[in-house]
């Protein structure tokens, strides 16, 4: 994944459920489905490049459906709700 880094290949799409909406509003976190081969550094870089924010922490997990989910916590000076509005999910 290192050569020819493409943030659009790393981040597939945002997940919007009631639970993730609460995470956006209360914990300043965004949730995405990402490429299975993407590591936390690539996910952090992709989110920072795509949405012009700074990422504090990234958690990843593989869902029972075999998808990789990334929970991205933004730095306090950035609002997850602003990114969600730009994505059209809020």
N, C-alpha and C. Protein backbone atom coordinates (compact mmCIF):
# COMPACT_ATOMS: atom_id res chain seq x y z
N UNK A 1 0.82 -1.20 0.00
CA UNK A 1 0.00 0.00 0.00
C UNK A 1 0.86 1.26 0.00
N UNK A 2 2.15 1.14 0.26
CA UNK A 2 2.98 2.32 0.45
C UNK A 2 3.14 3.13 -0.83
N UNK A 3 3.48 2.48 -1.93
CA UNK A 3 3.73 3.25 -3.15
C UNK A 3 2.42 3.72 -3.78
N UNK A 4 2.41 4.95 -4.24
CA UNK A 4 1.21 5.52 -4.86
C UNK A 4 0.03 5.58 -3.91
N UNK A 5 0.26 6.14 -2.73
CA UNK A 5 -0.78 6.23 -1.70
C UNK A 5 -2.01 6.95 -2.23
N UNK A 6 -3.17 6.31 -2.13
CA UNK A 6 -4.43 6.92 -2.57
C UNK A 6 -5.44 6.85 -1.44
N UNK A 7 -5.71 8.01 -0.79
CA UNK A 7 -6.64 7.98 0.34
C UNK A 7 -8.03 7.48 -0.02
N UNK A 8 -8.41 7.62 -1.31
CA UNK A 8 -9.73 7.16 -1.73
C UNK A 8 -9.82 5.64 -1.79
N UNK A 9 -8.66 4.96 -1.88
CA UNK A 9 -8.66 3.50 -1.87
C UNK A 9 -8.65 2.97 -0.43
N UNK A 10 -8.11 3.77 0.49
CA UNK A 10 -8.03 3.34 1.90
C UNK A 10 -9.40 3.45 2.55
N UNK A 11 -10.03 4.62 2.44
CA UNK A 11 -11.34 4.87 3.05
C UNK A 11 -12.40 4.49 2.03
N UNK A 12 -13.23 3.49 2.35
CA UNK A 12 -14.27 3.09 1.40
C UNK A 12 -15.52 3.94 1.56
N UNK A 13 -16.11 3.93 2.76
CA UNK A 13 -17.31 4.73 3.00
C UNK A 13 -17.55 4.88 4.49
N UNK A 14 -18.25 5.96 4.89
CA UNK A 14 -18.56 6.16 6.31
C UNK A 14 -19.72 5.27 6.74
N UNK A 15 -19.77 4.94 8.00
CA UNK A 15 -20.88 4.16 8.55
C UNK A 15 -21.74 5.11 9.37
N UNK A 16 -23.02 5.13 9.09
CA UNK A 16 -23.92 5.99 9.84
C UNK A 16 -25.06 5.18 10.43
N UNK A 17 -24.96 4.92 11.71
CA UNK A 17 -26.03 4.26 12.45
C UNK A 17 -26.32 5.16 13.66
N UNK A 18 -27.31 4.80 14.44
CA UNK A 18 -27.58 5.61 15.64
C UNK A 18 -26.37 5.61 16.56
N UNK A 19 -25.72 4.47 16.68
CA UNK A 19 -24.55 4.36 17.55
C UNK A 19 -23.40 5.25 17.05
N UNK A 20 -23.13 5.20 15.75
CA UNK A 20 -22.03 6.01 15.23
C UNK A 20 -22.38 7.50 15.26
N UNK A 21 -23.65 7.83 15.13
CA UNK A 21 -24.06 9.24 15.23
C UNK A 21 -23.77 9.76 16.64
N UNK A 22 -24.03 8.93 17.65
CA UNK A 22 -23.75 9.32 19.02
C UNK A 22 -22.24 9.51 19.21
N UNK A 23 -21.45 8.64 18.58
CA UNK A 23 -19.99 8.77 18.67
C UNK A 23 -19.52 10.09 18.04
N UNK A 24 -20.14 10.46 16.92
CA UNK A 24 -19.80 11.73 16.27
C UNK A 24 -20.09 12.89 17.21
N UNK A 25 -21.28 12.88 17.80
CA UNK A 25 -21.72 14.01 18.60
C UNK A 25 -21.06 14.08 19.97
N UNK A 26 -20.89 12.93 20.64
CA UNK A 26 -20.42 12.94 22.02
C UNK A 26 -18.93 12.68 22.18
N UNK A 27 -18.34 11.89 21.27
CA UNK A 27 -16.94 11.47 21.47
C UNK A 27 -16.00 12.01 20.41
N UNK A 28 -16.53 12.79 19.44
CA UNK A 28 -15.72 13.36 18.36
C UNK A 28 -15.03 12.28 17.53
N UNK A 29 -15.79 11.20 17.25
CA UNK A 29 -15.24 10.08 16.48
C UNK A 29 -16.04 9.88 15.20
N UNK A 30 -15.35 9.39 14.16
CA UNK A 30 -15.98 9.02 12.89
C UNK A 30 -15.72 7.54 12.67
N UNK A 31 -16.64 6.87 11.98
CA UNK A 31 -16.48 5.43 11.73
C UNK A 31 -16.55 5.20 10.22
N UNK A 32 -15.55 4.48 9.70
CA UNK A 32 -15.47 4.19 8.27
C UNK A 32 -15.25 2.71 8.05
N UNK A 33 -15.70 2.22 6.88
CA UNK A 33 -15.25 0.92 6.40
C UNK A 33 -14.03 1.22 5.55
N UNK A 34 -12.94 0.50 5.81
CA UNK A 34 -11.67 0.76 5.13
C UNK A 34 -11.17 -0.49 4.43
N UNK A 35 -10.15 -0.32 3.60
CA UNK A 35 -9.52 -1.43 2.90
C UNK A 35 -8.93 -2.41 3.92
N UNK A 36 -9.12 -3.69 3.70
CA UNK A 36 -8.62 -4.72 4.62
C UNK A 36 -7.12 -4.64 4.83
N UNK A 37 -6.38 -4.20 3.81
CA UNK A 37 -4.92 -4.16 3.89
C UNK A 37 -4.40 -2.89 4.55
N UNK A 38 -5.28 -1.92 4.79
CA UNK A 38 -4.85 -0.63 5.34
C UNK A 38 -4.47 -0.77 6.82
N UNK A 39 -3.32 -0.20 7.18
CA UNK A 39 -2.96 -0.18 8.60
C UNK A 39 -3.40 1.15 9.22
N UNK A 40 -3.20 1.28 10.53
CA UNK A 40 -3.67 2.47 11.23
C UNK A 40 -3.01 3.74 10.71
N UNK A 41 -1.72 3.66 10.34
CA UNK A 41 -1.02 4.84 9.83
C UNK A 41 -1.64 5.30 8.51
N UNK A 42 -1.94 4.34 7.64
CA UNK A 42 -2.54 4.68 6.34
C UNK A 42 -3.94 5.27 6.53
N UNK A 43 -4.69 4.72 7.46
CA UNK A 43 -6.05 5.22 7.74
C UNK A 43 -5.96 6.64 8.27
N UNK A 44 -5.06 6.87 9.22
CA UNK A 44 -4.88 8.21 9.79
C UNK A 44 -4.53 9.22 8.69
N UNK A 45 -3.56 8.85 7.86
CA UNK A 45 -3.11 9.74 6.79
C UNK A 45 -4.23 10.03 5.79
N UNK A 46 -5.00 8.99 5.46
CA UNK A 46 -6.09 9.16 4.49
C UNK A 46 -7.16 10.10 5.04
N UNK A 47 -7.55 9.92 6.30
CA UNK A 47 -8.57 10.78 6.91
C UNK A 47 -8.07 12.22 6.97
N UNK A 48 -6.80 12.39 7.37
CA UNK A 48 -6.25 13.74 7.47
C UNK A 48 -6.20 14.42 6.10
N UNK A 49 -5.82 13.66 5.06
CA UNK A 49 -5.74 14.24 3.71
C UNK A 49 -7.13 14.54 3.14
N UNK A 50 -8.06 13.60 3.30
CA UNK A 50 -9.38 13.76 2.69
C UNK A 50 -10.20 14.86 3.34
N UNK A 51 -10.11 14.98 4.66
CA UNK A 51 -11.03 15.87 5.37
C UNK A 51 -10.34 17.07 6.02
N UNK A 52 -9.01 17.21 5.80
CA UNK A 52 -8.26 18.35 6.31
C UNK A 52 -8.43 18.51 7.82
N UNK A 53 -8.23 17.42 8.55
CA UNK A 53 -8.34 17.42 10.01
C UNK A 53 -7.09 16.74 10.58
N UNK A 54 -6.94 16.78 11.90
CA UNK A 54 -5.86 16.03 12.56
C UNK A 54 -6.48 14.91 13.38
N UNK A 55 -5.90 13.72 13.24
CA UNK A 55 -6.42 12.53 13.92
C UNK A 55 -5.63 12.29 15.20
N UNK A 56 -6.36 12.02 16.28
CA UNK A 56 -5.72 11.74 17.56
C UNK A 56 -5.41 10.25 17.71
N UNK A 57 -6.39 9.40 17.32
CA UNK A 57 -6.23 7.96 17.53
C UNK A 57 -7.09 7.19 16.54
N UNK A 58 -6.62 5.99 16.18
CA UNK A 58 -7.37 5.11 15.27
C UNK A 58 -7.50 3.73 15.90
N UNK A 59 -8.72 3.22 15.95
CA UNK A 59 -8.97 1.83 16.36
C UNK A 59 -9.47 1.10 15.13
N UNK A 60 -9.09 -0.17 14.98
CA UNK A 60 -9.60 -0.95 13.85
C UNK A 60 -10.15 -2.27 14.36
N UNK A 61 -11.10 -2.82 13.61
CA UNK A 61 -11.63 -4.14 13.92
C UNK A 61 -12.17 -4.76 12.64
N UNK A 62 -12.18 -6.06 12.62
CA UNK A 62 -12.75 -6.79 11.49
C UNK A 62 -14.15 -7.23 11.89
N UNK A 63 -15.14 -6.88 11.09
CA UNK A 63 -16.52 -7.22 11.41
C UNK A 63 -16.77 -8.69 11.08
N UNK A 64 -17.84 -9.26 11.62
CA UNK A 64 -18.19 -10.65 11.28
C UNK A 64 -18.41 -10.84 9.78
N UNK A 65 -18.73 -9.76 9.07
CA UNK A 65 -18.95 -9.84 7.62
C UNK A 65 -17.63 -9.78 6.84
N UNK A 66 -16.51 -9.66 7.57
CA UNK A 66 -15.21 -9.66 6.90
C UNK A 66 -14.77 -8.28 6.43
N UNK A 67 -15.46 -7.23 6.87
CA UNK A 67 -15.06 -5.87 6.51
C UNK A 67 -14.17 -5.32 7.62
N UNK A 68 -13.31 -4.39 7.25
CA UNK A 68 -12.48 -3.74 8.27
C UNK A 68 -13.10 -2.39 8.59
N UNK A 69 -13.33 -2.18 9.89
CA UNK A 69 -13.95 -0.94 10.34
C UNK A 69 -12.90 -0.13 11.10
N UNK A 70 -12.87 1.16 10.85
CA UNK A 70 -11.93 2.04 11.56
C UNK A 70 -12.72 3.09 12.32
N UNK A 71 -12.41 3.22 13.60
CA UNK A 71 -13.00 4.29 14.42
C UNK A 71 -11.89 5.32 14.58
N UNK A 72 -12.17 6.54 14.14
CA UNK A 72 -11.16 7.58 14.09
C UNK A 72 -11.54 8.71 15.03
N UNK A 73 -10.71 8.94 16.05
CA UNK A 73 -10.96 10.05 16.98
C UNK A 73 -10.17 11.26 16.52
N UNK A 74 -10.88 12.38 16.35
CA UNK A 74 -10.24 13.61 15.91
C UNK A 74 -9.66 14.38 17.09
N UNK A 75 -8.65 15.21 16.81
CA UNK A 75 -8.08 16.08 17.84
C UNK A 75 -9.17 17.04 18.30
N UNK A 76 -9.10 17.52 19.56
CA UNK A 76 -10.17 18.37 20.13
C UNK A 76 -10.47 19.63 19.31
N UNK A 77 -9.46 20.16 18.59
CA UNK A 77 -9.70 21.39 17.84
C UNK A 77 -10.49 21.17 16.55
N UNK A 78 -10.77 19.92 16.21
CA UNK A 78 -11.59 19.59 15.04
C UNK A 78 -12.88 18.93 15.49
N UNK A 79 -13.95 19.17 14.75
CA UNK A 79 -15.26 18.62 15.11
C UNK A 79 -15.65 17.52 14.13
N UNK A 80 -15.93 16.33 14.66
CA UNK A 80 -16.38 15.22 13.83
C UNK A 80 -17.69 15.57 13.14
N UNK A 81 -18.52 16.37 13.82
CA UNK A 81 -19.81 16.74 13.23
C UNK A 81 -19.61 17.59 11.97
N UNK A 82 -18.55 18.42 11.93
CA UNK A 82 -18.27 19.22 10.72
C UNK A 82 -17.93 18.30 9.54
N UNK A 83 -17.12 17.28 9.80
CA UNK A 83 -16.77 16.33 8.75
C UNK A 83 -18.01 15.55 8.30
N UNK A 84 -18.84 15.15 9.27
CA UNK A 84 -20.07 14.41 8.95
C UNK A 84 -21.00 15.24 8.08
N UNK A 85 -21.09 16.54 8.35
CA UNK A 85 -21.91 17.43 7.53
C UNK A 85 -21.34 17.50 6.11
N UNK A 86 -20.00 17.63 6.00
CA UNK A 86 -19.36 17.67 4.67
C UNK A 86 -19.59 16.38 3.89
N UNK A 87 -19.66 15.26 4.63
CA UNK A 87 -19.90 13.97 3.97
C UNK A 87 -21.39 13.79 3.63
N UNK A 88 -22.22 14.69 4.15
CA UNK A 88 -23.66 14.58 3.89
C UNK A 88 -24.34 13.51 4.71
N UNK A 89 -23.76 13.18 5.87
CA UNK A 89 -24.35 12.12 6.70
C UNK A 89 -24.94 12.67 7.99
N UNK A 90 -24.94 13.98 8.14
CA UNK A 90 -25.51 14.57 9.36
C UNK A 90 -26.56 15.60 8.98
